[in-house]
Amino acid sequence: MMDRNGNCDSFGMETHQASDPRVRVAIVNYRTADLTIDCLASLVIEREQWPSLEVIVADNASPDGSSDRLHQAISENGWGSWVRVLDLPKNGGFAYGNNAVMKFAASPPPEYFWLLNPDTAVRPGALAGLLAVMAREPKAGMVGSCLEWLDGTQQHSAFRFHTIASELTNNLPLGSLSQHFERWAVAPPPQRHTAQYDWLSGASILVRAETVADIGYMDEEYFLYFEETDYCLTARKHGWECWLSADSHVVHFVGKSTGVTNPSERTARRPDYWFQSRRRYFEKNHGALYALGADIALSASVIASRIAAAMRHRNSGIPDNFLMDLARHNMIASPSMHRKPK
C-alpha cells in the first residue's frame, strides 16, 4: 500500500537506529483532522527520544478534506520523515483502519504497534513506560497507558471482561451495597500502578508484533466499540497477557472523536453500531444463548435504574431509547450477528 506520493518501503528508514525498538504508531482518522494534528504534535518529544518511531495516520475516506489538511500539517511542521497518511477507500471502522496500518509493508518491519486514538495527547515518556513493561514481561502481548484528563485526574484505562453478571450490575442503583458487587464491575476503580488486566482501552495500546503474528489482526466485523475487548480476549486465548503501565500517561479527550461517550452527552442515543458490536462480542465469544442472557440482564438493570431514578426525581443517565434499540439488535429480532457494511 502506498500514499498519494507513491512512497512505501523507505519510510522512516533514515532515522532507524539498530539499538532502538522499531515502533509504528497507528492513528485512525475520520473527520478529526484537528484532533489528529494535535496528537501528532504531542508525539514530537517521543520521536526525539525514540528516533525509530514512525507514525501512520489511516484516513478512513473522510469527506471533509481531512486528508488534505493532514498532508499540509505534516509538510508545514517538517514531520514528513516520520509521519505519513494512508488514504483508505472507505470508512471501515476502527479495526479496519488499524489493520491497514499494521499491514503496511516496510523493511525492517516494526517490533511494536502503538494504537493511539486521535483524541489523545501523549505525555512525555509515555512510550518509555509502555516499552519498559514489554521488556520486563515477556508474555505481555499488549500494554496500555494510564489515561487521564488534562488536569491529571485518572480515567478508567483497564477493565474486566464483560459477563452476564456485569451486564446485570452495571446500571443497578446499588448504593452502599456496590462494594459487594465490585468483582463483577467491568471498570474497577482506577489504580495508578502497573498490573495485569483482562482488557485495555483502545485509546492507547502498545501491541507486540509477535503477538499480531500469532493471533492475527483485529476483527473488522466490529465497526466501533468492543473491538479492543475482543482483541485482548483473543490474545488471552493464545497465552498472551494484557498489562497497564503506571509510567505511561496519555490525556484522553473522551468522546471527542465519536461523540458517543462524551460525558457532556451521556443521554444521547447510542448509534446502531454500538449495539451491533456489543452483540457480536457476546455471540462470537460466548454463544447465542449467552448473548441472549446478557441482553436480558442489561435490560433488567436499565429498568431498575430508571425506576430508582424516577423515585428520586433524577435523570438515570441511560441513553435515549436504549431499551428499544437493544431489543432491535438482540439475537431474536435480528438473527445475524454480522454488521452491515457502512
C-alpha atoms as a PDB file:
ATOM      1  CA  MET A   1       0.000   0.000   0.000  1.00  0.00           C
ATOM      2  CA  MET A   2       1.291   3.443  -0.906  1.00  0.00           C
ATOM      3  CA  ASP A   3       0.491   7.013  -0.021  1.00  0.00           C
ATOM      4  CA  ARG A   4      -0.527   9.637  -2.593  1.00  0.00           C
ATOM      5  CA  ASN A   5       3.151  10.230  -3.429  1.00  0.00           C
ATOM      6  CA  GLY A   6       3.831   6.557  -4.108  1.00  0.00           C
ATOM      7  CA  ASN A   7       6.224   6.193  -1.165  1.00  0.00           C
ATOM      8  CA  CYS A   8       6.417   2.866   0.605  1.00  0.00           C
ATOM      9  CA  ASP A   9       9.308   0.770   1.886  1.00  0.00           C
ATOM     10  CA  SER A  10      11.793   3.592   2.549  1.00  0.00           C
ATOM     11  CA  PHE A  11       9.527   5.364   5.025  1.00  0.00           C
ATOM     12  CA  GLY A  12      11.360   6.216   8.246  1.00  0.00           C
ATOM     13  CA  MET A  13      14.428   4.169   7.374  1.00  0.00           C
ATOM     14  CA  GLU A  14      16.854   7.059   7.558  1.00  0.00           C
ATOM     15  CA  THR A  15      16.180   7.521  11.265  1.00  0.00           C
ATOM     16  CA  HIS A  16      16.122   3.919  12.468  1.00  0.00           C
ATOM     17  CA  GLN A  17      18.879   3.088  14.921  1.00  0.00           C
ATOM     18  CA  ALA A  18      19.885  -0.529  15.467  1.00  0.00           C
ATOM     19  CA  SER A  19      19.611  -0.169  19.260  1.00  0.00           C
ATOM     20  CA  ASP A  20      16.123   1.384  19.225  1.00  0.00           C
ATOM     21  CA  PRO A  21      12.922  -0.636  19.230  1.00  0.00           C
ATOM     22  CA  ARG A  22      11.055  -0.064  15.993  1.00  0.00           C
ATOM     23  CA  VAL A  23       7.660   1.344  16.929  1.00  0.00           C
ATOM     24  CA  ARG A  24       4.875   2.207  14.493  1.00  0.00           C
ATOM     25  CA  VAL A  25       2.070   4.436  15.746  1.00  0.00           C
ATOM     26  CA  ALA A  26      -1.360   3.868  14.217  1.00  0.00           C
ATOM     27  CA  ILE A  27      -3.880   6.721  14.325  1.00  0.00           C
ATOM     28  CA  VAL A  28      -7.276   6.238  12.666  1.00  0.00           C
ATOM     29  CA  ASN A  29      -8.805   9.485  11.455  1.00  0.00           C
ATOM     30  CA  TYR A  30     -12.348  10.133  10.330  1.00  0.00           C
ATOM     31  CA  ARG A  31     -13.277  13.816  10.152  1.00  0.00           C
ATOM     32  CA  THR A  32     -10.997  14.582  13.137  1.00  0.00           C
ATOM     33  CA  ALA A  33      -8.083  16.324  11.424  1.00  0.00           C
ATOM     34  CA  ASP A  34      -7.621  18.986  14.120  1.00  0.00           C
ATOM     35  CA  LEU A  35      -7.529  16.395  16.908  1.00  0.00           C
ATOM     36  CA  THR A  36      -5.143  14.218  14.912  1.00  0.00           C
ATOM     37  CA  ILE A  37      -2.761  17.120  14.240  1.00  0.00           C
ATOM     38  CA  ASP A  38      -2.687  17.968  17.958  1.00  0.00           C
ATOM     39  CA  CYS A  39      -1.992  14.307  18.723  1.00  0.00           C
ATOM     40  CA  LEU A  40       0.897  14.305  16.247  1.00  0.00           C
ATOM     41  CA  ALA A  41       2.323  17.436  17.857  1.00  0.00           C
ATOM     42  CA  SER A  42       2.312  15.678  21.239  1.00  0.00           C
ATOM     43  CA  LEU A  43       4.410  12.871  19.723  1.00  0.00           C
ATOM     44  CA  VAL A  44       7.284  15.168  18.730  1.00  0.00           C
ATOM     45  CA  ILE A  45       9.052  14.738  22.088  1.00  0.00           C
ATOM     46  CA  GLU A  46       8.610  10.969  21.904  1.00  0.00           C
ATOM     47  CA  ARG A  47      10.134  10.999  18.431  1.00  0.00           C
ATOM     48  CA  GLU A  48      13.139  12.902  19.756  1.00  0.00           C
ATOM     49  CA  GLN A  49      13.676  10.241  22.425  1.00  0.00           C
ATOM     50  CA  TRP A  50      12.974   7.301  20.117  1.00  0.00           C
ATOM     51  CA  PRO A  51      14.328   8.113  16.613  1.00  0.00           C
ATOM     52  CA  SER A  52      12.972   4.855  15.181  1.00  0.00           C
ATOM     53  CA  LEU A  53       9.369   5.828  15.946  1.00  0.00           C
ATOM     54  CA  GLU A  54       7.170   6.274  12.881  1.00  0.00           C
ATOM     55  CA  VAL A  55       3.535   7.328  12.610  1.00  0.00           C
ATOM     56  CA  ILE A  56       0.948   6.312  10.046  1.00  0.00           C
ATOM     57  CA  VAL A  57      -2.413   8.065  10.035  1.00  0.00           C
ATOM     58  CA  ALA A  58      -5.123   5.997   8.371  1.00  0.00           C
ATOM     59  CA  ASP A  59      -7.750   8.334   6.954  1.00  0.00           C
ATOM     60  CA  ASN A  60     -10.997   6.403   6.556  1.00  0.00           C
ATOM     61  CA  ALA A  61     -12.178   8.275   3.459  1.00  0.00           C
ATOM     62  CA  SER A  62     -13.105  11.406   5.431  1.00  0.00           C
ATOM     63  CA  PRO A  63     -15.472  13.531   3.322  1.00  0.00           C
ATOM     64  CA  ASP A  64     -14.438  16.806   4.982  1.00  0.00           C
ATOM     65  CA  GLY A  65     -10.995  17.291   3.448  1.00  0.00           C
ATOM     66  CA  SER A  66      -9.185  15.792   6.443  1.00  0.00           C
ATOM     67  CA  SER A  67      -6.565  14.116   4.275  1.00  0.00           C
ATOM     68  CA  ASP A  68      -5.518  17.376   2.616  1.00  0.00           C
ATOM     69  CA  ARG A  69      -5.297  19.136   5.986  1.00  0.00           C
ATOM     70  CA  LEU A  70      -3.205  16.322   7.434  1.00  0.00           C
ATOM     71  CA  HIS A  71      -0.789  16.338   4.486  1.00  0.00           C
ATOM     72  CA  GLN A  72      -0.490  20.110   4.792  1.00  0.00           C
ATOM     73  CA  ALA A  73       0.217  19.972   8.527  1.00  0.00           C
ATOM     74  CA  ILE A  74       2.842  17.277   8.049  1.00  0.00           C
ATOM     75  CA  SER A  75       4.584  19.379   5.411  1.00  0.00           C
ATOM     76  CA  GLU A  76       4.367  22.664   7.340  1.00  0.00           C
ATOM     77  CA  ASN A  77       5.722  21.127  10.548  1.00  0.00           C
ATOM     78  CA  GLY A  78       8.520  19.154   8.905  1.00  0.00           C
ATOM     79  CA  TRP A  79       7.163  15.801  10.069  1.00  0.00           C
ATOM     80  CA  GLY A  80       7.451  14.133   6.669  1.00  0.00           C
ATOM     81  CA  SER A  81      10.382  11.877   7.624  1.00  0.00           C
ATOM     82  CA  TRP A  82       8.347  10.098  10.311  1.00  0.00           C
ATOM     83  CA  VAL A  83       4.633  10.762   9.669  1.00  0.00           C
ATOM     84  CA  ARG A  84       2.587   9.725   6.661  1.00  0.00           C
ATOM     85  CA  VAL A  85      -1.072   9.424   5.711  1.00  0.00           C
ATOM     86  CA  LEU A  86      -2.724   6.341   4.260  1.00  0.00           C
ATOM     87  CA  ASP A  87      -5.777   7.352   2.244  1.00  0.00           C
ATOM     88  CA  LEU A  88      -8.145   4.416   2.619  1.00  0.00           C
ATOM     89  CA  PRO A  89     -11.019   3.821   0.183  1.00  0.00           C
ATOM     90  CA  LYS A  90     -13.849   3.624   2.729  1.00  0.00           C
ATOM     91  CA  ASN A  91     -14.863   4.285   6.324  1.00  0.00           C
ATOM     92  CA  GLY A  92     -14.427   0.725   7.522  1.00  0.00           C
ATOM     93  CA  GLY A  93     -14.199   1.491  11.220  1.00  0.00           C
ATOM     94  CA  PHE A  94     -11.552   1.455  13.934  1.00  0.00           C
ATOM     95  CA  ALA A  95     -10.302  -2.107  13.427  1.00  0.00           C
ATOM     96  CA  TYR A  96     -10.197  -1.659   9.650  1.00  0.00           C
ATOM     97  CA  GLY A  97      -8.049   1.460   9.927  1.00  0.00           C
ATOM     98  CA  ASN A  98      -5.659  -0.010  12.477  1.00  0.00           C
ATOM     99  CA  ASN A  99      -5.275  -3.195  10.449  1.00  0.00           C
ATOM    100  CA  ALA A 100      -4.329  -1.165   7.370  1.00  0.00           C
ATOM    101  CA  VAL A 101      -1.531   0.472   9.355  1.00  0.00           C
ATOM    102  CA  MET A 102      -0.311  -2.801  10.846  1.00  0.00           C
ATOM    103  CA  LYS A 103      -0.295  -4.443   7.397  1.00  0.00           C
ATOM    104  CA  PHE A 104       1.628  -1.592   5.781  1.00  0.00           C
ATOM    105  CA  ALA A 105       4.803  -3.047   4.267  1.00  0.00           C
ATOM    106  CA  ALA A 106       8.151  -1.674   5.450  1.00  0.00           C
ATOM    107  CA  SER A 107      11.652  -3.045   5.838  1.00  0.00           C
ATOM    108  CA  PRO A 108      12.690  -3.682   8.517  1.00  0.00           C
ATOM    109  CA  PRO A 109       9.226  -4.310   9.941  1.00  0.00           C
ATOM    110  CA  PRO A 110       8.222  -2.735  13.268  1.00  0.00           C
ATOM    111  CA  GLU A 111       8.624  -4.641  16.520  1.00  0.00           C
ATOM    112  CA  TYR A 112       5.669  -2.885  18.142  1.00  0.00           C
ATOM    113  CA  PHE A 113       2.452  -1.225  17.043  1.00  0.00           C
ATOM    114  CA  TRP A 114       1.178   1.657  19.162  1.00  0.00           C
ATOM    115  CA  LEU A 115      -2.581   2.056  18.601  1.00  0.00           C
ATOM    116  CA  LEU A 116      -3.445   5.633  19.516  1.00  0.00           C
ATOM    117  CA  ASN A 117      -6.739   7.492  19.334  1.00  0.00           C
ATOM    118  CA  PRO A 118      -6.837  10.839  17.513  1.00  0.00           C
ATOM    119  CA  ASP A 119      -8.462  12.402  20.599  1.00  0.00           C
ATOM    120  CA  THR A 120      -5.361  11.898  22.742  1.00  0.00           C
ATOM    121  CA  ALA A 121      -2.297  13.892  23.744  1.00  0.00           C
ATOM    122  CA  VAL A 122       0.784  11.924  24.734  1.00  0.00           C
ATOM    123  CA  ARG A 123       2.611  12.928  27.898  1.00  0.00           C
ATOM    124  CA  PRO A 124       6.456  12.884  27.667  1.00  0.00           C
ATOM    125  CA  GLY A 125       7.819   9.454  28.498  1.00  0.00           C
ATOM    126  CA  ALA A 126       4.603   7.603  27.603  1.00  0.00           C
ATOM    127  CA  LEU A 127       6.311   5.290  25.132  1.00  0.00           C
ATOM    128  CA  ALA A 128       9.180   4.551  27.505  1.00  0.00           C
ATOM    129  CA  GLY A 129       6.660   3.460  30.121  1.00  0.00           C
ATOM    130  CA  LEU A 130       4.997   1.070  27.688  1.00  0.00           C
ATOM    131  CA  LEU A 131       8.264  -0.396  26.423  1.00  0.00           C
ATOM    132  CA  ALA A 132       9.543  -0.935  29.971  1.00  0.00           C
ATOM    133  CA  VAL A 133       6.661  -3.295  30.733  1.00  0.00           C
ATOM    134  CA  MET A 134       7.145  -5.083  27.412  1.00  0.00           C
ATOM    135  CA  ALA A 135      10.811  -5.642  28.277  1.00  0.00           C
ATOM    136  CA  ARG A 136      10.032  -6.871  31.790  1.00  0.00           C
ATOM    137  CA  GLU A 137       7.037  -9.099  30.941  1.00  0.00           C
ATOM    138  CA  PRO A 138       7.844 -11.444  28.049  1.00  0.00           C
ATOM    139  CA  LYS A 139       4.215 -12.694  27.861  1.00  0.00           C
ATOM    140  CA  ALA A 140       2.821  -9.166  27.678  1.00  0.00           C
ATOM    141  CA  GLY A 141       1.249  -9.032  24.246  1.00  0.00           C
ATOM    142  CA  MET A 142      -0.393  -5.660  24.877  1.00  0.00           C
ATOM    143  CA  VAL A 143       0.398  -2.825  27.280  1.00  0.00           C
ATOM    144  CA  GLY A 144      -1.910   0.125  27.850  1.00  0.00           C
ATOM    145  CA  SER A 145      -1.356   3.656  29.124  1.00  0.00           C
ATOM    146  CA  CYS A 146      -2.892   5.312  32.161  1.00  0.00           C
ATOM    147  CA  LEU A 147      -5.457   7.618  30.606  1.00  0.00           C
ATOM    148  CA  GLU A 148      -6.209  10.930  32.269  1.00  0.00           C
ATOM    149  CA  TRP A 149      -7.941  14.246  31.915  1.00  0.00           C
ATOM    150  CA  LEU A 150      -5.944  17.356  31.115  1.00  0.00           C
ATOM    151  CA  ASP A 151      -5.629  18.180  34.837  1.00  0.00           C
ATOM    152  CA  GLY A 152      -4.140  14.751  35.550  1.00  0.00           C
ATOM    153  CA  THR A 153      -7.274  13.182  37.016  1.00  0.00           C
ATOM    154  CA  GLN A 154      -7.322   9.480  36.217  1.00  0.00           C
ATOM    155  CA  GLN A 155      -9.749   7.855  33.818  1.00  0.00           C
ATOM    156  CA  HIS A 156     -10.704   4.205  33.566  1.00  0.00           C
ATOM    157  CA  SER A 157      -7.975   2.615  31.475  1.00  0.00           C
ATOM    158  CA  ALA A 158      -8.064  -1.139  32.152  1.00  0.00           C
ATOM    159  CA  PHE A 159     -11.013  -3.441  32.605  1.00  0.00           C
ATOM    160  CA  ARG A 160     -12.531  -6.837  33.327  1.00  0.00           C
ATOM    161  CA  PHE A 161     -14.248  -8.800  30.593  1.00  0.00           C
ATOM    162  CA  HIS A 162     -17.987  -8.329  30.109  1.00  0.00           C
ATOM    163  CA  THR A 163     -20.207 -11.055  31.583  1.00  0.00           C
ATOM    164  CA  ILE A 164     -23.906 -11.589  32.259  1.00  0.00           C
ATOM    165  CA  ALA A 165     -23.222 -10.594  35.864  1.00  0.00           C
ATOM    166  CA  SER A 166     -21.543  -7.351  34.816  1.00  0.00           C
ATOM    167  CA  GLU A 167     -24.428  -6.517  32.463  1.00  0.00           C
ATOM    168  CA  LEU A 168     -26.866  -7.007  35.339  1.00  0.00           C
ATOM    169  CA  THR A 169     -24.965  -4.939  37.900  1.00  0.00           C
ATOM    170  CA  ASN A 170     -23.682  -2.248  35.522  1.00  0.00           C
ATOM    171  CA  ASN A 171     -26.628   0.122  35.968  1.00  0.00           C
ATOM    172  CA  LEU A 172     -28.242  -1.135  39.164  1.00  0.00           C
ATOM    173  CA  PRO A 173     -28.681   1.550  41.876  1.00  0.00           C
ATOM    174  CA  LEU A 174     -26.748  -0.426  44.485  1.00  0.00           C
ATOM    175  CA  GLY A 175     -25.683   2.483  46.691  1.00  0.00           C
ATOM    176  CA  SER A 176     -23.804   1.257  49.777  1.00  0.00           C
ATOM    177  CA  LEU A 177     -24.098  -2.335  48.537  1.00  0.00           C
ATOM    178  CA  SER A 178     -21.949  -1.640  45.477  1.00  0.00           C
ATOM    179  CA  GLN A 179     -18.794  -2.821  47.238  1.00  0.00           C
ATOM    180  CA  HIS A 180     -20.244  -6.325  47.436  1.00  0.00           C
ATOM    181  CA  PHE A 181     -20.649  -6.445  43.652  1.00  0.00           C
ATOM    182  CA  GLU A 182     -17.353  -4.780  42.754  1.00  0.00           C
ATOM    183  CA  ARG A 183     -15.780  -8.009  41.493  1.00  0.00           C
ATOM    184  CA  TRP A 184     -18.293  -8.063  38.631  1.00  0.00           C
ATOM    185  CA  ALA A 185     -17.740  -4.464  37.586  1.00  0.00           C
ATOM    186  CA  VAL A 186     -16.248  -4.099  34.105  1.00  0.00           C
ATOM    187  CA  ALA A 187     -14.449  -0.904  35.147  1.00  0.00           C
ATOM    188  CA  PRO A 188     -12.683  -1.315  38.504  1.00  0.00           C
ATOM    189  CA  PRO A 189     -11.605   1.857  40.334  1.00  0.00           C
ATOM    190  CA  PRO A 190      -8.640   3.457  38.511  1.00  0.00           C
ATOM    191  CA  GLN A 191      -5.314   2.423  40.003  1.00  0.00           C
ATOM    192  CA  ARG A 192      -2.009   4.083  39.231  1.00  0.00           C
ATOM    193  CA  HIS A 193       0.192   1.019  39.413  1.00  0.00           C
ATOM    194  CA  THR A 194       1.468  -1.461  36.855  1.00  0.00           C
ATOM    195  CA  ALA A 195      -0.670  -4.591  36.821  1.00  0.00           C
ATOM    196  CA  GLN A 196      -2.221  -7.236  34.597  1.00  0.00           C
ATOM    197  CA  TYR A 197      -5.840  -6.787  33.471  1.00  0.00           C
ATOM    198  CA  ASP A 198      -8.347  -8.512  31.202  1.00  0.00           C
ATOM    199  CA  TRP A 199      -8.532  -5.795  28.560  1.00  0.00           C
ATOM    200  CA  LEU A 200      -7.314  -2.277  27.871  1.00  0.00           C
ATOM    201  CA  SER A 201      -8.773   0.915  26.500  1.00  0.00           C
ATOM    202  CA  GLY A 202      -8.095   1.193  22.786  1.00  0.00           C
ATOM    203  CA  ALA A 203      -7.157   4.865  23.217  1.00  0.00           C
ATOM    204  CA  SER A 204      -3.515   3.880  23.811  1.00  0.00           C
ATOM    205  CA  ILE A 205      -2.250   0.303  23.463  1.00  0.00           C
ATOM    206  CA  LEU A 206       1.212  -0.924  22.537  1.00  0.00           C
ATOM    207  CA  VAL A 207       0.950  -4.294  20.762  1.00  0.00           C
ATOM    208  CA  ARG A 208       3.868  -6.641  20.289  1.00  0.00           C
ATOM    209  CA  ALA A 209       4.363  -7.517  16.606  1.00  0.00           C
ATOM    210  CA  GLU A 210       4.993 -11.109  17.654  1.00  0.00           C
ATOM    211  CA  THR A 211       1.514 -11.143  19.190  1.00  0.00           C
ATOM    212  CA  VAL A 212      -0.047  -9.883  15.957  1.00  0.00           C
ATOM    213  CA  ALA A 213       1.774 -12.606  14.028  1.00  0.00           C
ATOM    214  CA  ASP A 214       0.365 -15.167  16.463  1.00  0.00           C
ATOM    215  CA  ILE A 215      -3.263 -14.051  16.823  1.00  0.00           C
ATOM    216  CA  GLY A 216      -3.850 -12.181  13.571  1.00  0.00           C
ATOM    217  CA  TYR A 217      -5.343  -8.744  13.048  1.00  0.00           C
ATOM    218  CA  MET A 218      -8.336  -7.072  14.662  1.00  0.00           C
ATOM    219  CA  ASP A 219     -11.822  -8.286  13.738  1.00  0.00           C
ATOM    220  CA  GLU A 220     -13.120  -5.864  11.115  1.00  0.00           C
ATOM    221  CA  GLU A 221     -16.713  -7.009  11.669  1.00  0.00           C
ATOM    222  CA  TYR A 222     -16.626  -4.537  14.572  1.00  0.00           C
ATOM    223  CA  PHE A 223     -17.202  -1.064  13.203  1.00  0.00           C
ATOM    224  CA  LEU A 224     -16.557   0.759  16.501  1.00  0.00           C
ATOM    225  CA  TYR A 225     -16.519  -0.335  20.175  1.00  0.00           C
ATOM    226  CA  PHE A 226     -15.760  -3.759  21.663  1.00  0.00           C
ATOM    227  CA  GLU A 227     -13.049  -4.427  19.075  1.00  0.00           C
ATOM    228  CA  GLU A 228     -10.217  -3.912  21.568  1.00  0.00           C
ATOM    229  CA  THR A 229     -12.054  -6.056  24.141  1.00  0.00           C
ATOM    230  CA  ASP A 230     -12.342  -8.821  21.578  1.00  0.00           C
ATOM    231  CA  TYR A 231      -8.690  -8.426  20.576  1.00  0.00           C
ATOM    232  CA  CYS A 232      -7.493  -8.679  24.177  1.00  0.00           C
ATOM    233  CA  LEU A 233      -9.648 -11.768  24.712  1.00  0.00           C
ATOM    234  CA  THR A 234      -8.209 -13.347  21.573  1.00  0.00           C
ATOM    235  CA  ALA A 235      -4.710 -12.628  22.871  1.00  0.00           C
ATOM    236  CA  ARG A 236      -5.507 -14.271  26.205  1.00  0.00           C
ATOM    237  CA  LYS A 237      -6.808 -17.382  24.437  1.00  0.00           C
ATOM    238  CA  HIS A 238      -3.384 -17.627  22.766  1.00  0.00           C
ATOM    239  CA  GLY A 239      -1.488 -17.272  26.043  1.00  0.00           C
ATOM    240  CA  TRP A 240      -0.664 -13.552  25.874  1.00  0.00           C
ATOM    241  CA  GLU A 241      -1.208 -11.087  28.732  1.00  0.00           C
ATOM    242  CA  CYS A 242      -2.525  -7.519  28.875  1.00  0.00           C
ATOM    243  CA  TRP A 243      -0.833  -5.064  31.225  1.00  0.00           C
ATOM    244  CA  LEU A 244      -1.363  -1.461  32.288  1.00  0.00           C
ATOM    245  CA  SER A 245       1.770   0.684  32.644  1.00  0.00           C
ATOM    246  CA  ALA A 246       1.732   3.131  35.562  1.00  0.00           C
ATOM    247  CA  ASP A 247       4.580   5.062  33.923  1.00  0.00           C
ATOM    248  CA  SER A 248       2.806   5.780  30.643  1.00  0.00           C
ATOM    249  CA  HIS A 249       0.419   8.739  30.745  1.00  0.00           C
ATOM    250  CA  VAL A 250      -1.850   9.844  27.911  1.00  0.00           C
ATOM    251  CA  VAL A 251      -4.506  12.563  28.008  1.00  0.00           C
ATOM    252  CA  HIS A 252      -7.771  11.293  26.542  1.00  0.00           C
ATOM    253  CA  PHE A 253     -10.410  13.784  25.472  1.00  0.00           C
ATOM    254  CA  VAL A 254     -13.177  11.223  25.938  1.00  0.00           C
ATOM    255  CA  GLY A 255     -15.712  11.007  23.140  1.00  0.00           C
ATOM    256  CA  LYS A 256     -14.327  13.894  21.110  1.00  0.00           C
ATOM    257  CA  SER A 257     -13.704  11.690  18.090  1.00  0.00           C
ATOM    258  CA  THR A 258     -17.080   9.886  18.170  1.00  0.00           C
ATOM    259  CA  GLY A 259     -19.396  11.836  20.474  1.00  0.00           C
ATOM    260  CA  VAL A 260     -20.792   8.535  21.814  1.00  0.00           C
ATOM    261  CA  THR A 261     -19.061   8.526  25.200  1.00  0.00           C
ATOM    262  CA  ASN A 262     -18.697  12.280  25.629  1.00  0.00           C
ATOM    263  CA  PRO A 263     -19.534  12.960  29.323  1.00  0.00           C
ATOM    264  CA  SER A 264     -21.499  16.071  28.330  1.00  0.00           C
ATOM    265  CA  GLU A 265     -23.735  13.970  26.037  1.00  0.00           C
ATOM    266  CA  ARG A 266     -24.393  10.891  28.175  1.00  0.00           C
ATOM    267  CA  THR A 267     -28.097  10.698  27.355  1.00  0.00           C
ATOM    268  CA  ALA A 268     -27.595  10.975  23.590  1.00  0.00           C
ATOM    269  CA  ARG A 269     -28.976   7.993  21.674  1.00  0.00           C
ATOM    270  CA  ARG A 270     -26.445   5.221  21.094  1.00  0.00           C
ATOM    271  CA  PRO A 271     -25.710   4.532  17.415  1.00  0.00           C
ATOM    272  CA  ASP A 272     -26.649   1.198  15.894  1.00  0.00           C
ATOM    273  CA  TYR A 273     -23.036   0.129  15.584  1.00  0.00           C
ATOM    274  CA  TRP A 274     -22.622   0.193  19.393  1.00  0.00           C
ATOM    275  CA  PHE A 275     -25.383  -2.398  19.790  1.00  0.00           C
ATOM    276  CA  GLN A 276     -24.117  -4.419  16.833  1.00  0.00           C
ATOM    277  CA  SER A 277     -20.595  -4.524  18.263  1.00  0.00           C
ATOM    278  CA  ARG A 278     -21.806  -5.439  21.749  1.00  0.00           C
ATOM    279  CA  ARG A 279     -23.909  -8.246  20.377  1.00  0.00           C
ATOM    280  CA  ARG A 280     -21.096  -9.540  18.185  1.00  0.00           C
ATOM    281  CA  TYR A 281     -18.746  -9.646  21.171  1.00  0.00           C
ATOM    282  CA  PHE A 282     -21.076 -11.789  23.282  1.00  0.00           C
ATOM    283  CA  GLU A 283     -22.282 -14.078  20.497  1.00  0.00           C
ATOM    284  CA  LYS A 284     -18.837 -14.609  18.965  1.00  0.00           C
ATOM    285  CA  ASN A 285     -17.052 -15.321  22.230  1.00  0.00           C
ATOM    286  CA  HIS A 286     -19.762 -16.930  24.389  1.00  0.00           C
ATOM    287  CA  GLY A 287     -22.506 -18.224  22.091  1.00  0.00           C
ATOM    288  CA  ALA A 288     -26.037 -17.213  21.164  1.00  0.00           C
ATOM    289  CA  LEU A 289     -27.736 -18.262  24.417  1.00  0.00           C
ATOM    290  CA  TYR A 290     -25.192 -16.359  26.487  1.00  0.00           C
ATOM    291  CA  ALA A 291     -25.708 -13.286  24.303  1.00  0.00           C
ATOM    292  CA  LEU A 292     -29.458 -13.505  24.926  1.00  0.00           C
ATOM    293  CA  GLY A 293     -28.833 -13.801  28.666  1.00  0.00           C
ATOM    294  CA  ALA A 294     -26.629 -10.729  28.549  1.00  0.00           C
ATOM    295  CA  ASP A 295     -29.423  -8.797  26.792  1.00  0.00           C
ATOM    296  CA  ILE A 296     -31.945  -9.831  29.440  1.00  0.00           C
ATOM    297  CA  ALA A 297     -29.568  -8.913  32.257  1.00  0.00           C
ATOM    298  CA  LEU A 298     -28.809  -5.499  30.779  1.00  0.00           C
ATOM    299  CA  SER A 299     -32.496  -4.789  30.182  1.00  0.00           C
ATOM    300  CA  ALA A 300     -33.320  -5.647  33.803  1.00  0.00           C
ATOM    301  CA  SER A 301     -30.605  -3.360  35.133  1.00  0.00           C
ATOM    302  CA  VAL A 302     -31.712  -0.472  32.913  1.00  0.00           C
ATOM    303  CA  ILE A 303     -35.347  -0.830  34.011  1.00  0.00           C
ATOM    304  CA  ALA A 304     -34.333  -0.935  37.685  1.00  0.00           C
ATOM    305  CA  SER A 305     -32.093   2.095  37.247  1.00  0.00           C
ATOM    306  CA  ARG A 306     -34.838   4.130  35.608  1.00  0.00           C
ATOM    307  CA  ILE A 307     -37.381   3.221  38.302  1.00  0.00           C
ATOM    308  CA  ALA A 308     -34.945   4.210  41.040  1.00  0.00           C
ATOM    309  CA  ALA A 309     -34.102   7.482  39.266  1.00  0.00           C
ATOM    310  CA  ALA A 310     -37.788   8.338  38.827  1.00  0.00           C
ATOM    311  CA  MET A 311     -38.446   7.756  42.520  1.00  0.00           C
ATOM    312  CA  ARG A 312     -35.617  10.177  43.338  1.00  0.00           C
ATOM    313  CA  HIS A 313     -36.700  12.641  40.629  1.00  0.00           C
ATOM    314  CA  ARG A 314     -33.318  12.312  38.948  1.00  0.00           C
ATOM    315  CA  ASN A 315     -32.029  11.558  35.479  1.00  0.00           C
ATOM    316  CA  SER A 316     -30.945   7.934  35.222  1.00  0.00           C
ATOM    317  CA  GLY A 317     -28.209   8.810  32.721  1.00  0.00           C
ATOM    318  CA  ILE A 318     -29.378   5.975  30.462  1.00  0.00           C
ATOM    319  CA  PRO A 319     -29.189   6.985  26.772  1.00  0.00           C
ATOM    320  CA  ASP A 320     -32.429   7.825  24.999  1.00  0.00           C
ATOM    321  CA  ASN A 321     -34.408   4.900  23.505  1.00  0.00           C
ATOM    322  CA  PHE A 322     -31.861   2.475  24.924  1.00  0.00           C
ATOM    323  CA  LEU A 323     -34.214  -0.442  25.627  1.00  0.00           C
ATOM    324  CA  MET A 324     -35.960  -0.126  22.277  1.00  0.00           C
ATOM    325  CA  ASP A 325     -32.627  -0.081  20.445  1.00  0.00           C
ATOM    326  CA  LEU A 326     -31.326  -3.018  22.492  1.00  0.00           C
ATOM    327  CA  ALA A 327     -34.435  -5.014  21.584  1.00  0.00           C
ATOM    328  CA  ARG A 328     -33.997  -4.209  17.886  1.00  0.00           C
ATOM    329  CA  HIS A 329     -30.499  -5.620  17.934  1.00  0.00           C
ATOM    330  CA  ASN A 330     -30.963  -8.732  20.044  1.00  0.00           C
ATOM    331  CA  MET A 331     -30.414 -12.208  18.597  1.00  0.00           C
ATOM    332  CA  ILE A 332     -34.149 -12.944  18.245  1.00  0.00           C
ATOM    333  CA  ALA A 333     -35.104  -9.752  16.439  1.00  0.00           C
ATOM    334  CA  SER A 334     -32.000  -9.776  14.225  1.00  0.00           C
ATOM    335  CA  PRO A 335     -30.574 -13.307  13.704  1.00  0.00           C
ATOM    336  CA  SER A 336     -27.274 -12.402  12.003  1.00  0.00           C
ATOM    337  CA  MET A 337     -24.507 -11.094  14.223  1.00  0.00           C
ATOM    338  CA  HIS A 338     -22.578  -9.636  11.312  1.00  0.00           C
ATOM    339  CA  ARG A 339     -22.790  -5.885  10.915  1.00  0.00           C
ATOM    340  CA  LYS A 340     -23.852  -4.405   7.612  1.00  0.00           C
ATOM    341  CA  PRO A 341     -21.113  -2.557   5.720  1.00  0.00           C
ATOM    342  CA  LYS A 342     -21.086   1.209   6.208  1.00  0.00           C
END
